[in-house]
Amino acid sequence: MEISTLATYHCLAFVWYFFVAYSITHVRTEERPSEVFLYGGQWKYLTVLNLVLQAVFYGVSFLADVLRLIKKLRCAKCVISSRDLLFSVLAFPVSTFVSISFWTLYTYNRELVYPKSLDGVIPLWLNHAMHTAVLPFAVLEILATPHRYPAKKKGLILLGFVSFLYISWVLWIYSVTGEWVYPLFASFSPAGLAAFFAGSLAIIISFYNFGEFLNRMIWGQSKFCF
């Protein structure tokens, strides 16, 4: 894809994610069900954090494209390295995890992750923007441009660290409020919850590996490693 076309795409994607993140963070307080958006606000939900993550990623990608267009190659190289690390470790695996895990649990029992009371608060288009569109955007990014993945050990350590931070945030909220971020967690024993978190980590690692595999199959080994 031509750099100018890529820059246009990344700019539009950034604007889209900024708009979606703005929309969900400005849901009117008086319309919110009493059981959601309390301590931690929207920032306790992985879905909302992912919207911000995607906006940051596409903003960095657009900056890299602009630097390439104006021939600031030294600066562009540094920004591209940050872009690739952000995409490989977080943007692709998190967006894939959000979409697939949400719709799997929603199909099984929506009350576990997205109570029916939210239907009157969050429009249908916004629900799909947060939980559906993120997956094709992630796949399209792999198709649009090659990304250099870090060494496997480094990538998995970074992904595990970020996962640990979010789990710690979830546990902290429970310790303060006595309420779980997602109703699903209330159905587990402590051991079951630990197993669930471990299983979720294994799944998101598999999505990391899948993204790495797709990138290598499409763009080749030479453009894949540092």
Protein backbone atom coordinates (compact mmCIF):
# COMPACT_ATOMS: atom_id res chain seq x y z
CA MET A 1 0.00 0.00 0.00
CA GLU A 2 1.29 3.47 -0.91
CA ILE A 3 2.43 5.57 2.04
CA SER A 4 -0.08 8.33 1.25
CA THR A 5 -2.93 5.80 1.16
CA LEU A 6 -1.69 4.22 4.36
CA ALA A 7 -1.52 7.63 6.04
CA THR A 8 -5.11 8.34 5.02
CA TYR A 9 -6.27 4.99 6.39
CA HIS A 10 -4.43 5.42 9.68
CA CYS A 11 -5.77 8.97 10.06
CA LEU A 12 -9.36 7.81 9.50
CA ALA A 13 -8.90 4.88 11.89
CA PHE A 14 -7.52 7.23 14.55
CA VAL A 15 -10.47 9.61 14.14
CA TRP A 16 -12.89 6.68 14.31
CA TYR A 17 -11.45 5.27 17.53
CA PHE A 18 -11.19 8.72 19.08
CA PHE A 19 -14.86 9.29 18.27
CA VAL A 20 -15.93 5.91 19.69
CA ALA A 21 -13.88 6.41 22.87
CA TYR A 22 -15.33 9.90 23.25
CA SER A 23 -18.85 8.55 22.75
CA ILE A 24 -18.60 5.84 25.42
CA THR A 25 -16.91 8.12 27.95
CA HIS A 26 -19.68 10.71 27.55
CA VAL A 27 -22.65 8.48 28.21
CA ARG A 28 -24.93 10.68 30.29
CA THR A 29 -24.66 9.93 34.00
CA GLU A 30 -28.40 10.02 34.61
CA GLU A 31 -28.96 7.26 32.05
CA ARG A 32 -26.45 4.83 33.51
CA PRO A 33 -27.80 1.76 35.34
CA SER A 34 -26.90 1.81 39.02
CA GLU A 35 -24.76 -1.32 38.78
CA VAL A 36 -22.29 -0.03 36.19
CA PHE A 37 -19.83 2.84 35.82
CA LEU A 38 -19.38 3.31 39.56
CA TYR A 39 -15.91 3.07 41.12
CA GLY A 40 -13.34 3.32 38.33
CA GLY A 41 -15.92 4.58 35.86
CA GLN A 42 -15.55 3.28 32.32
CA TRP A 43 -11.84 2.79 32.94
CA LYS A 44 -12.43 -0.54 34.68
CA TYR A 45 -13.67 -2.14 31.46
CA LEU A 46 -11.14 -3.75 29.13
CA THR A 47 -13.34 -2.76 26.18
CA VAL A 48 -12.97 0.95 26.93
CA LEU A 49 -9.26 0.69 27.66
CA ASN A 50 -8.88 -1.08 24.32
CA LEU A 51 -10.55 1.83 22.51
CA VAL A 52 -7.97 4.20 23.97
CA LEU A 53 -5.19 1.74 23.10
CA GLN A 54 -6.37 1.55 19.48
CA ALA A 55 -6.64 5.35 19.21
CA VAL A 56 -3.07 5.69 20.48
CA PHE A 57 -1.82 3.00 18.11
CA TYR A 58 -3.41 4.55 15.02
CA GLY A 59 -2.22 7.99 16.09
CA VAL A 60 1.35 6.69 16.30
CA SER A 61 0.90 4.90 12.95
CA PHE A 62 -0.31 8.10 11.30
CA LEU A 63 2.66 10.00 12.72
CA ALA A 64 5.03 7.37 11.31
CA ASP A 65 3.39 7.67 7.88
CA VAL A 66 3.68 11.46 7.91
CA LEU A 67 7.36 11.28 8.87
CA ARG A 68 7.99 8.90 5.98
CA LEU A 69 6.15 11.19 3.57
CA ILE A 70 8.26 14.21 4.55
CA LYS A 71 11.45 12.11 4.46
CA LYS A 72 12.26 12.38 8.17
CA LEU A 73 13.55 8.84 8.05
CA ARG A 74 15.58 8.87 11.27
CA CYS A 75 12.58 10.01 13.31
CA ALA A 76 10.31 7.70 11.33
CA LYS A 77 12.43 4.68 12.18
CA CYS A 78 12.05 5.32 15.92
CA VAL A 79 8.29 5.90 15.66
CA ILE A 80 7.83 2.79 13.48
CA SER A 81 9.63 0.69 16.11
CA SER A 82 7.21 2.00 18.75
CA ARG A 83 4.27 1.40 16.40
CA ASP A 84 5.27 -2.19 15.73
CA LEU A 85 5.83 -2.98 19.39
CA LEU A 86 2.47 -1.45 20.32
CA PHE A 87 0.66 -3.39 17.62
CA SER A 88 2.31 -6.76 18.15
CA VAL A 89 2.19 -6.85 21.96
CA LEU A 90 -1.08 -5.03 22.65
CA ALA A 91 -3.21 -3.67 19.79
CA PHE A 92 -3.73 -6.94 17.92
CA PRO A 93 -4.01 -9.47 20.77
CA VAL A 94 -6.15 -7.23 23.01
CA SER A 95 -8.62 -6.24 20.29
CA THR A 96 -8.93 -9.87 19.19
CA PHE A 97 -9.44 -11.01 22.78
CA VAL A 98 -12.05 -8.30 23.45
CA SER A 99 -14.10 -9.18 20.38
CA ILE A 100 -14.00 -12.98 20.58
CA SER A 101 -14.37 -13.30 24.37
CA PHE A 102 -17.19 -10.74 24.51
CA TRP A 103 -19.33 -12.34 21.82
CA THR A 104 -18.65 -15.85 23.12
CA LEU A 105 -19.85 -14.92 26.62
CA TYR A 106 -22.64 -12.73 25.24
CA THR A 107 -23.98 -15.67 23.25
CA TYR A 108 -23.79 -17.95 26.28
CA ASN A 109 -25.34 -15.50 28.77
CA ARG A 110 -25.22 -11.78 28.07
CA GLU A 111 -25.89 -10.89 31.72
CA LEU A 112 -22.40 -12.13 32.55
CA VAL A 113 -20.69 -9.37 30.53
CA TYR A 114 -23.25 -6.93 29.12
CA PRO A 115 -26.47 -6.66 31.18
CA LYS A 116 -29.67 -6.00 29.24
CA SER A 117 -30.05 -2.74 31.17
CA LEU A 118 -27.23 -1.34 29.01
CA ASP A 119 -29.35 -1.57 25.86
CA GLY A 120 -31.13 1.63 26.82
CA VAL A 121 -27.86 3.42 27.51
CA ILE A 122 -25.40 2.28 24.83
CA PRO A 123 -26.71 2.38 21.23
CA LEU A 124 -26.43 -0.78 19.16
CA TRP A 125 -23.94 0.86 16.77
CA LEU A 126 -21.67 1.76 19.70
CA ASN A 127 -21.79 -1.77 21.07
CA HIS A 128 -20.65 -3.13 17.70
CA ALA A 129 -18.04 -0.39 17.35
CA MET A 130 -16.54 -1.46 20.68
CA HIS A 131 -16.87 -5.23 20.39
CA THR A 132 -17.20 -6.17 16.71
CA ALA A 133 -15.37 -3.68 14.51
CA VAL A 134 -12.16 -3.93 16.52
CA LEU A 135 -11.41 -7.38 15.10
CA PRO A 136 -11.61 -6.59 11.36
CA PHE A 137 -9.65 -3.39 12.01
CA ALA A 138 -6.87 -5.46 13.60
CA VAL A 139 -6.79 -7.95 10.73
CA LEU A 140 -6.88 -5.17 8.14
CA GLU A 141 -3.85 -3.57 9.79
CA ILE A 142 -1.85 -6.77 9.29
CA LEU A 143 -2.92 -6.87 5.65
CA ALA A 144 -2.10 -3.19 5.11
CA THR A 145 1.49 -3.06 6.32
CA PRO A 146 4.20 -5.34 7.77
CA HIS A 147 5.04 -5.10 11.46
CA ARG A 148 8.27 -6.14 13.09
CA TYR A 149 7.64 -8.35 16.10
CA PRO A 150 10.01 -8.30 19.08
CA ALA A 151 11.85 -11.38 20.26
CA LYS A 152 9.26 -13.86 21.53
CA LYS A 153 10.45 -13.72 25.14
CA LYS A 154 10.34 -9.93 25.21
CA GLY A 155 6.91 -9.79 23.61
CA LEU A 156 5.37 -12.32 25.98
CA ILE A 157 6.91 -10.68 29.05
CA LEU A 158 5.45 -7.31 28.05
CA LEU A 159 2.04 -8.82 27.29
CA GLY A 160 2.06 -10.73 30.58
CA PHE A 161 3.02 -7.61 32.51
CA VAL A 162 0.19 -5.57 31.03
CA SER A 163 -2.25 -8.43 31.69
CA PHE A 164 -1.05 -8.56 35.30
CA LEU A 165 -1.66 -4.81 35.66
CA TYR A 166 -5.25 -5.13 34.43
CA ILE A 167 -5.99 -8.13 36.65
CA SER A 168 -4.55 -6.20 39.60
CA TRP A 169 -6.84 -3.28 38.72
CA VAL A 170 -9.87 -5.61 38.65
CA LEU A 171 -8.94 -7.13 42.02
CA TRP A 172 -8.33 -3.69 43.52
CA ILE A 173 -11.79 -2.53 42.47
CA TYR A 174 -13.32 -5.61 44.08
CA SER A 175 -11.38 -5.03 47.30
CA VAL A 176 -12.68 -1.45 47.47
CA THR A 177 -16.29 -1.93 46.36
CA GLY A 178 -17.06 -5.59 47.02
CA GLU A 179 -18.41 -5.76 43.45
CA TRP A 180 -16.80 -7.42 40.45
CA VAL A 181 -16.17 -5.49 37.24
CA TYR A 182 -17.95 -8.26 35.34
CA PRO A 183 -20.80 -10.27 36.96
CA LEU A 184 -19.20 -13.42 35.54
CA PHE A 185 -16.46 -13.29 38.17
CA ALA A 186 -18.94 -13.64 41.05
CA SER A 187 -19.75 -17.20 39.94
CA PHE A 188 -16.17 -18.42 40.57
CA SER A 189 -14.47 -19.64 43.70
CA PRO A 190 -11.03 -18.08 44.38
CA ALA A 191 -9.36 -21.09 42.77
CA GLY A 192 -11.79 -20.98 39.86
CA LEU A 193 -11.15 -17.28 39.36
CA ALA A 194 -7.40 -17.86 39.33
CA ALA A 195 -7.90 -20.60 36.75
CA PHE A 196 -10.10 -18.26 34.68
CA PHE A 197 -7.46 -15.53 34.70
CA ALA A 198 -4.77 -18.05 33.78
CA GLY A 199 -6.92 -19.39 30.94
CA SER A 200 -7.61 -15.87 29.69
CA LEU A 201 -3.89 -15.15 29.69
CA ALA A 202 -3.25 -18.32 27.71
CA ILE A 203 -5.89 -17.27 25.18
CA ILE A 204 -4.50 -13.77 24.71
CA ILE A 205 -1.01 -15.26 24.28
CA SER A 206 -2.43 -17.51 21.57
CA PHE A 207 -3.80 -14.40 19.84
CA TYR A 208 -0.35 -12.82 20.06
CA ASN A 209 1.13 -15.91 18.39
CA PHE A 210 -1.63 -15.91 15.77
CA GLY A 211 -0.91 -12.29 14.87
CA GLU A 212 2.78 -13.12 14.59
CA PHE A 213 1.95 -16.06 12.33
CA LEU A 214 -0.31 -13.98 10.06
CA ASN A 215 2.29 -11.25 9.77
CA ARG A 216 4.99 -13.75 8.82
CA MET A 217 2.78 -15.60 6.31
CA ILE A 218 1.72 -12.38 4.56
CA TRP A 219 4.94 -10.38 4.64
CA GLY A 220 7.69 -12.97 4.98
CA GLN A 221 10.41 -13.69 7.49
CA SER A 222 12.77 -10.96 6.30
CA LYS A 223 10.33 -8.23 7.28
CA PHE A 224 9.28 -9.99 10.42
CA CYS A 225 12.19 -10.02 12.86
CA PHE A 226 14.44 -7.28 14.21
